[in-house]
Structure formats: structure tokens, C-alpha cells
Amino acid sequence: AEDDEASGKFLSKLVSRYGEVVLAKDGIE
């Protein structure tokens, strides 16, 4: 869960090494 697009992409890429990633753009999502 990360609202900043660049940070979201970085973190998604980082954790994708461990498995499947789902990205949410805010807390409600």
C-alpha cells in the first residue's frame, strides 16, 4: 500500500523477488 507512484514501483519490484505482489494506491484500497 503506497500512494507515491515511484515508491510503489520500487517496493513492488523489491518484494516481487519473494512472490506475487498486489499494489494498492491508498489505505481504503
PDB file of all heavy atoms in Angstrom:
ATOM      1  N   ALA A   1       0.862  -1.181   0.000  1.00  0.00           N
ATOM      2  CA  ALA A   1       0.000   0.000   0.000  1.00  0.00           C
ATOM      3  C   ALA A   1       0.899   1.231   0.000  1.00  0.00           C
ATOM      4  O   ALA A   1       1.560   1.532   0.994  1.00  0.00           O
ATOM      5  CB  ALA A   1      -0.923   0.002   1.213  1.00  0.00           C
ATOM      6  N   GLU A   2       0.918   1.928  -1.130  1.00  0.00           N
ATOM      7  CA  GLU A   2       1.821   3.071  -1.320  1.00  0.00           C
ATOM      8  C   GLU A   2       1.184   4.031  -2.310  1.00  0.00           C
ATOM      9  O   GLU A   2       0.878   3.639  -3.437  1.00  0.00           O
ATOM     10  CB  GLU A   2       3.170   2.569  -1.832  1.00  0.00           C
ATOM     11  CG  GLU A   2       4.146   3.633  -2.241  1.00  0.00           C
ATOM     12  CD  GLU A   2       4.558   4.567  -1.115  1.00  0.00           C
ATOM     13  OE1 GLU A   2       5.282   4.131  -0.214  1.00  0.00           O
ATOM     14  OE2 GLU A   2       4.138   5.753  -1.158  1.00  0.00           O
ATOM     15  N   ASP A   3       0.977   5.283  -1.888  1.00  0.00           N
ATOM     16  CA  ASP A   3       0.319   6.255  -2.763  1.00  0.00           C
ATOM     17  C   ASP A   3       1.278   6.927  -3.733  1.00  0.00           C
ATOM     18  O   ASP A   3       0.861   7.407  -4.781  1.00  0.00           O
ATOM     19  CB  ASP A   3      -0.422   7.311  -1.937  1.00  0.00           C
ATOM     20  CG  ASP A   3       0.516   8.151  -1.092  1.00  0.00           C
ATOM     21  OD1 ASP A   3       1.311   7.560  -0.315  1.00  0.00           O
ATOM     22  OD2 ASP A   3       0.453   9.390  -1.185  1.00  0.00           O
ATOM     23  N   ASP A   4       2.562   6.948  -3.414  1.00  0.00           N
ATOM     24  CA  ASP A   4       3.542   7.566  -4.309  1.00  0.00           C
ATOM     25  C   ASP A   4       3.910   6.555  -5.399  1.00  0.00           C
ATOM     26  O   ASP A   4       4.374   5.444  -5.104  1.00  0.00           O
ATOM     27  CB  ASP A   4       4.795   7.971  -3.521  1.00  0.00           C
ATOM     28  CG  ASP A   4       5.863   8.550  -4.416  1.00  0.00           C
ATOM     29  OD1 ASP A   4       5.686   9.696  -4.886  1.00  0.00           O
ATOM     30  OD2 ASP A   4       6.864   7.843  -4.673  1.00  0.00           O
ATOM     31  N   GLU A   5       3.684   6.929  -6.659  1.00  0.00           N
ATOM     32  CA  GLU A   5       3.868   6.000  -7.775  1.00  0.00           C
ATOM     33  C   GLU A   5       5.289   5.442  -7.848  1.00  0.00           C
ATOM     34  O   GLU A   5       5.483   4.231  -8.002  1.00  0.00           O
ATOM     35  CB  GLU A   5       3.498   6.681  -9.097  1.00  0.00           C
ATOM     36  CG  GLU A   5       3.457   5.717 -10.249  1.00  0.00           C
ATOM     37  CD  GLU A   5       2.986   6.368 -11.545  1.00  0.00           C
ATOM     38  OE1 GLU A   5       2.321   7.414 -11.506  1.00  0.00           O
ATOM     39  OE2 GLU A   5       3.290   5.787 -12.596  1.00  0.00           O
ATOM     40  N   ALA A   6       6.290   6.308  -7.723  1.00  0.00           N
ATOM     41  CA  ALA A   6       7.679   5.846  -7.818  1.00  0.00           C
ATOM     42  C   ALA A   6       8.025   4.901  -6.676  1.00  0.00           C
ATOM     43  O   ALA A   6       8.640   3.845  -6.887  1.00  0.00           O
ATOM     44  CB  ALA A   6       8.633   7.034  -7.836  1.00  0.00           C
ATOM     45  N   SER A   7       7.623   5.247  -5.467  1.00  0.00           N
ATOM     46  CA  SER A   7       7.884   4.380  -4.310  1.00  0.00           C
ATOM     47  C   SER A   7       7.143   3.064  -4.442  1.00  0.00           C
ATOM     48  O   SER A   7       7.665   2.003  -4.084  1.00  0.00           O
ATOM     49  CB  SER A   7       7.464   5.074  -3.009  1.00  0.00           C
ATOM     50  OG  SER A   7       8.271   6.193  -2.760  1.00  0.00           O
ATOM     51  N   GLY A   8       5.919   3.118  -4.961  1.00  0.00           N
ATOM     52  CA  GLY A   8       5.132   1.907  -5.164  1.00  0.00           C
ATOM     53  C   GLY A   8       5.801   0.958  -6.145  1.00  0.00           C
ATOM     54  O   GLY A   8       5.866  -0.248  -5.925  1.00  0.00           O
ATOM     55  N   LYS A   9       6.321   1.513  -7.241  1.00  0.00           N
ATOM     56  CA  LYS A   9       7.009   0.689  -8.237  1.00  0.00           C
ATOM     57  C   LYS A   9       8.279   0.074  -7.652  1.00  0.00           C
ATOM     58  O   LYS A   9       8.561  -1.106  -7.859  1.00  0.00           O
ATOM     59  CB  LYS A   9       7.358   1.517  -9.478  1.00  0.00           C
ATOM     60  CG  LYS A   9       6.178   1.783 -10.375  1.00  0.00           C
ATOM     61  CD  LYS A   9       6.591   2.581 -11.595  1.00  0.00           C
ATOM     62  CE  LYS A   9       5.378   2.872 -12.466  1.00  0.00           C
ATOM     63  NZ  LYS A   9       5.744   3.662 -13.644  1.00  0.00           N
ATOM     64  N   PHE A  10       9.045   0.886  -6.917  1.00  0.00           N
ATOM     65  CA  PHE A  10      10.285   0.388  -6.309  1.00  0.00           C
ATOM     66  C   PHE A  10       9.988  -0.741  -5.337  1.00  0.00           C
ATOM     67  O   PHE A  10      10.600  -1.810  -5.395  1.00  0.00           O
ATOM     68  CB  PHE A  10      11.029   1.521  -5.583  1.00  0.00           C
ATOM     69  CG  PHE A  10      12.184   1.027  -4.771  1.00  0.00           C
ATOM     70  CD1 PHE A  10      13.395   0.712  -5.374  1.00  0.00           C
ATOM     71  CD2 PHE A  10      12.059   0.850  -3.403  1.00  0.00           C
ATOM     72  CE1 PHE A  10      14.462   0.228  -4.626  1.00  0.00           C
ATOM     73  CE2 PHE A  10      13.115   0.364  -2.644  1.00  0.00           C
ATOM     74  CZ  PHE A  10      14.321   0.058  -3.253  1.00  0.00           C
ATOM     75  N   LEU A  11       9.035  -0.506  -4.442  1.00  0.00           N
ATOM     76  CA  LEU A  11       8.715  -1.510  -3.431  1.00  0.00           C
ATOM     77  C   LEU A  11       8.123  -2.773  -4.058  1.00  0.00           C
ATOM     78  O   LEU A  11       8.461  -3.892  -3.666  1.00  0.00           O
ATOM     79  CB  LEU A  11       7.764  -0.918  -2.386  1.00  0.00           C
ATOM     80  CG  LEU A  11       7.596  -1.696  -1.090  1.00  0.00           C
ATOM     81  CD1 LEU A  11       8.933  -2.009  -0.445  1.00  0.00           C
ATOM     82  CD2 LEU A  11       6.724  -0.917  -0.127  1.00  0.00           C
ATOM     83  N   SER A  12       7.275  -2.587  -5.062  1.00  0.00           N
ATOM     84  CA  SER A  12       6.700  -3.747  -5.757  1.00  0.00           C
ATOM     85  C   SER A  12       7.792  -4.589  -6.404  1.00  0.00           C
ATOM     86  O   SER A  12       7.777  -5.815  -6.321  1.00  0.00           O
ATOM     87  CB  SER A  12       5.701  -3.296  -6.820  1.00  0.00           C
ATOM     88  OG  SER A  12       4.570  -2.738  -6.210  1.00  0.00           O
ATOM     89  N   LYS A  13       8.747  -3.920  -7.038  1.00  0.00           N
ATOM     90  CA  LYS A  13       9.858  -4.643  -7.677  1.00  0.00           C
ATOM     91  C   LYS A  13      10.701  -5.353  -6.616  1.00  0.00           C
ATOM     92  O   LYS A  13      11.093  -6.512  -6.803  1.00  0.00           O
ATOM     93  CB  LYS A  13      10.717  -3.685  -8.490  1.00  0.00           C
ATOM     94  CG  LYS A  13      11.807  -4.384  -9.261  1.00  0.00           C
ATOM     95  CD  LYS A  13      12.568  -3.440 -10.164  1.00  0.00           C
ATOM     96  CE  LYS A  13      13.624  -4.213 -10.925  1.00  0.00           C
ATOM     97  NZ  LYS A  13      14.395  -3.384 -11.814  1.00  0.00           N
ATOM     98  N   LEU A  14      10.938  -4.687  -5.508  1.00  0.00           N
ATOM     99  CA  LEU A  14      11.735  -5.271  -4.430  1.00  0.00           C
ATOM    100  C   LEU A  14      11.076  -6.536  -3.881  1.00  0.00           C
ATOM    101  O   LEU A  14      11.711  -7.576  -3.775  1.00  0.00           O
ATOM    102  CB  LEU A  14      11.932  -4.247  -3.305  1.00  0.00           C
ATOM    103  CG  LEU A  14      12.628  -4.735  -2.037  1.00  0.00           C
ATOM    104  CD1 LEU A  14      14.052  -5.180  -2.344  1.00  0.00           C
ATOM    105  CD2 LEU A  14      12.616  -3.650  -0.976  1.00  0.00           C
ATOM    106  N   VAL A  15       9.798  -6.469  -3.565  1.00  0.00           N
ATOM    107  CA  VAL A  15       9.134  -7.629  -2.957  1.00  0.00           C
ATOM    108  C   VAL A  15       8.730  -8.686  -3.977  1.00  0.00           C
ATOM    109  O   VAL A  15       8.463  -9.824  -3.596  1.00  0.00           O
ATOM    110  CB  VAL A  15       7.930  -7.235  -2.066  1.00  0.00           C
ATOM    111  CG1 VAL A  15       8.372  -6.391  -0.896  1.00  0.00           C
ATOM    112  CG2 VAL A  15       6.851  -6.552  -2.841  1.00  0.00           C
ATOM    113  N   SER A  16       8.725  -8.340  -5.250  1.00  0.00           N
ATOM    114  CA  SER A  16       8.374  -9.342  -6.270  1.00  0.00           C
ATOM    115  C   SER A  16       9.407 -10.467  -6.317  1.00  0.00           C
ATOM    116  O   SER A  16       9.118 -11.554  -6.813  1.00  0.00           O
ATOM    117  CB  SER A  16       8.213  -8.697  -7.648  1.00  0.00           C
ATOM    118  OG  SER A  16       9.457  -8.258  -8.146  1.00  0.00           O
ATOM    119  N   ARG A  17      10.591 -10.226  -5.777  1.00  0.00           N
ATOM    120  CA  ARG A  17      11.604 -11.281  -5.687  1.00  0.00           C
ATOM    121  C   ARG A  17      11.140 -12.419  -4.781  1.00  0.00           C
ATOM    122  O   ARG A  17      11.612 -13.533  -4.883  1.00  0.00           O
ATOM    123  CB  ARG A  17      12.920 -10.723  -5.127  1.00  0.00           C
ATOM    124  CG  ARG A  17      13.494  -9.617  -5.956  1.00  0.00           C
ATOM    125  CD  ARG A  17      14.772  -9.074  -5.396  1.00  0.00           C
ATOM    126  NE  ARG A  17      14.744  -8.959  -3.939  1.00  0.00           N
ATOM    127  CZ  ARG A  17      15.757  -8.529  -3.215  1.00  0.00           C
ATOM    128  NH1 ARG A  17      16.879  -8.180  -3.806  1.00  0.00           N
ATOM    129  NH2 ARG A  17      15.670  -8.445  -1.919  1.00  0.00           N
ATOM    130  N   TYR A  18      10.209 -12.107  -3.872  1.00  0.00           N
ATOM    131  CA  TYR A  18       9.737 -13.093  -2.902  1.00  0.00           C
ATOM    132  C   TYR A  18       8.445 -13.776  -3.328  1.00  0.00           C
ATOM    133  O   TYR A  18       8.073 -14.790  -2.769  1.00  0.00           O
ATOM    134  CB  TYR A  18       9.506 -12.443  -1.539  1.00  0.00           C
ATOM    135  CG  TYR A  18      10.686 -11.661  -1.041  1.00  0.00           C
ATOM    136  CD1 TYR A  18      10.624 -10.280  -0.934  1.00  0.00           C
ATOM    137  CD2 TYR A  18      11.869 -12.299  -0.679  1.00  0.00           C
ATOM    138  CE1 TYR A  18      11.717  -9.560  -0.475  1.00  0.00           C
ATOM    139  CE2 TYR A  18      12.961 -11.579  -0.230  1.00  0.00           C
ATOM    140  CZ  TYR A  18      12.874 -10.206  -0.117  1.00  0.00           C
ATOM    141  OH  TYR A  18      13.956  -9.507   0.324  1.00  0.00           O
ATOM    142  N   GLY A  19       7.723 -13.179  -4.273  1.00  0.00           N
ATOM    143  CA  GLY A  19       6.462 -13.780  -4.680  1.00  0.00           C
ATOM    144  C   GLY A  19       5.547 -12.795  -5.385  1.00  0.00           C
ATOM    145  O   GLY A  19       5.984 -11.766  -5.901  1.00  0.00           O
ATOM    146  N   GLU A  20       4.255 -13.104  -5.368  1.00  0.00           N
ATOM    147  CA  GLU A  20       3.228 -12.301  -6.040  1.00  0.00           C
ATOM    148  C   GLU A  20       2.979 -11.001  -5.273  1.00  0.00           C
ATOM    149  O   GLU A  20       2.884 -10.995  -4.050  1.00  0.00           O
ATOM    150  CB  GLU A  20       1.935 -13.107  -6.099  1.00  0.00           C
ATOM    151  CG  GLU A  20       0.774 -12.378  -6.720  1.00  0.00           C
ATOM    152  CD  GLU A  20      -0.523 -13.159  -6.594  1.00  0.00           C
ATOM    153  OE1 GLU A  20      -0.507 -14.359  -6.235  1.00  0.00           O
ATOM    154  OE2 GLU A  20      -1.572 -12.556  -6.863  1.00  0.00           O
ATOM    155  N   VAL A  21       2.853  -9.892  -6.012  1.00  0.00           N
ATOM    156  CA  VAL A  21       2.634  -8.583  -5.403  1.00  0.00           C
ATOM    157  C   VAL A  21       1.343  -7.957  -5.926  1.00  0.00           C
ATOM    158  O   VAL A  21       1.079  -7.977  -7.122  1.00  0.00           O
ATOM    159  CB  VAL A  21       3.807  -7.618  -5.712  1.00  0.00           C
ATOM    160  CG1 VAL A  21       3.563  -6.252  -5.091  1.00  0.00           C
ATOM    161  CG2 VAL A  21       5.122  -8.197  -5.238  1.00  0.00           C
ATOM    162  N   VAL A  22       0.573  -7.406  -4.997  1.00  0.00           N
ATOM    163  CA  VAL A  22      -0.615  -6.630  -5.341  1.00  0.00           C
ATOM    164  C   VAL A  22      -0.367  -5.222  -4.802  1.00  0.00           C
ATOM    165  O   VAL A  22       0.017  -5.057  -3.643  1.00  0.00           O
ATOM    166  CB  VAL A  22      -1.888  -7.235  -4.707  1.00  0.00           C
ATOM    167  CG1 VAL A  22      -3.085  -6.347  -4.958  1.00  0.00           C
ATOM    168  CG2 VAL A  22      -2.119  -8.638  -5.236  1.00  0.00           C
ATOM    169  N   LEU A  23      -0.570  -4.208  -5.646  1.00  0.00           N
ATOM    170  CA  LEU A  23      -0.319  -2.819  -5.255  1.00  0.00           C
ATOM    171  C   LEU A  23      -1.637  -2.090  -5.019  1.00  0.00           C
ATOM    172  O   LEU A  23      -2.542  -2.143  -5.858  1.00  0.00           O
ATOM    173  CB  LEU A  23       0.486  -2.106  -6.352  1.00  0.00           C
ATOM    174  CG  LEU A  23       0.882  -0.654  -6.105  1.00  0.00           C
ATOM    175  CD1 LEU A  23       1.783  -0.521  -4.878  1.00  0.00           C
ATOM    176  CD2 LEU A  23       1.585  -0.084  -7.332  1.00  0.00           C
ATOM    177  N   ALA A  24      -1.744  -1.432  -3.869  1.00  0.00           N
ATOM    178  CA  ALA A  24      -2.890  -0.585  -3.542  1.00  0.00           C
ATOM    179  C   ALA A  24      -2.394   0.851  -3.462  1.00  0.00           C
ATOM    180  O   ALA A  24      -1.317   1.110  -2.923  1.00  0.00           O
ATOM    181  CB  ALA A  24      -3.514  -1.011  -2.218  1.00  0.00           C
ATOM    182  N   LYS A  25      -3.178   1.786  -3.984  1.00  0.00           N
ATOM    183  CA  LYS A  25      -2.737   3.177  -4.060  1.00  0.00           C
ATOM    184  C   LYS A  25      -3.151   4.031  -2.854  1.00  0.00           C
ATOM    185  O   LYS A  25      -2.784   5.191  -2.755  1.00  0.00           O
ATOM    186  CB  LYS A  25      -3.246   3.808  -5.346  1.00  0.00           C
ATOM    187  CG  LYS A  25      -2.593   3.194  -6.581  1.00  0.00           C
ATOM    188  CD  LYS A  25      -3.029   3.911  -7.829  1.00  0.00           C
ATOM    189  CE  LYS A  25      -2.517   3.428  -9.113  1.00  0.00           C
ATOM    190  NZ  LYS A  25      -1.651   2.416  -9.340  1.00  0.00           N
ATOM    191  N   ASP A  26      -3.952   3.460  -1.938  1.00  0.00           N
ATOM    192  CA  ASP A  26      -4.319   4.169  -0.713  1.00  0.00           C
ATOM    193  C   ASP A  26      -4.782   3.162   0.326  1.00  0.00           C
ATOM    194  O   ASP A  26      -4.904   1.964   0.041  1.00  0.00           O
ATOM    195  CB  ASP A  26      -5.395   5.236  -0.978  1.00  0.00           C
ATOM    196  CG  ASP A  26      -6.687   4.672  -1.528  1.00  0.00           C
ATOM    197  OD1 ASP A  26      -7.275   3.769  -0.889  1.00  0.00           O
ATOM    198  OD2 ASP A  26      -7.124   5.134  -2.597  1.00  0.00           O
ATOM    199  N   GLY A  27      -5.039   3.640   1.540  1.00  0.00           N
ATOM    200  CA  GLY A  27      -5.414   2.760   2.634  1.00  0.00           C
ATOM    201  C   GLY A  27      -6.735   2.044   2.433  1.00  0.00           C
ATOM    202  O   GLY A  27      -6.876   0.864   2.792  1.00  0.00           O
ATOM    203  N   ILE A  28      -7.711   2.713   1.853  1.00  0.00           N
ATOM    204  CA  ILE A  28      -9.017   2.081   1.623  1.00  0.00           C
ATOM    205  C   ILE A  28      -8.871   0.928   0.637  1.00  0.00           C
ATOM    206  O   ILE A  28      -9.393  -0.170   0.858  1.00  0.00           O
ATOM    207  CB  ILE A  28     -10.063   3.113   1.140  1.00  0.00           C
ATOM    208  CG1 ILE A  28     -10.393   4.074   2.274  1.00  0.00           C
ATOM    209  CG2 ILE A  28     -11.316   2.418   0.631  1.00  0.00           C
ATOM    210  CD1 ILE A  28     -11.297   5.222   1.896  1.00  0.00           C
ATOM    211  N   GLU A  29      -8.144   1.163  -0.440  1.00  0.00           N
ATOM    212  CA  GLU A  29      -7.920   0.104  -1.430  1.00  0.00           C
ATOM    213  C   GLU A  29      -7.159  -1.067  -0.794  1.00  0.00           C
ATOM    214  O   GLU A  29      -7.449  -2.234  -1.080  1.00  0.00           O
ATOM    215  CB  GLU A  29      -7.147   0.660  -2.632  1.00  0.00           C
ATOM    216  CG  GLU A  29      -7.016  -0.323  -3.770  1.00  0.00           C
ATOM    217  CD  GLU A  29      -6.281   0.250  -4.976  1.00  0.00           C
ATOM    218  OE1 GLU A  29      -6.330   1.480  -5.212  1.00  0.00           O
ATOM    219  OE2 GLU A  29      -5.655  -0.556  -5.686  1.00  0.00           O
TER     220      GLU A  29
END
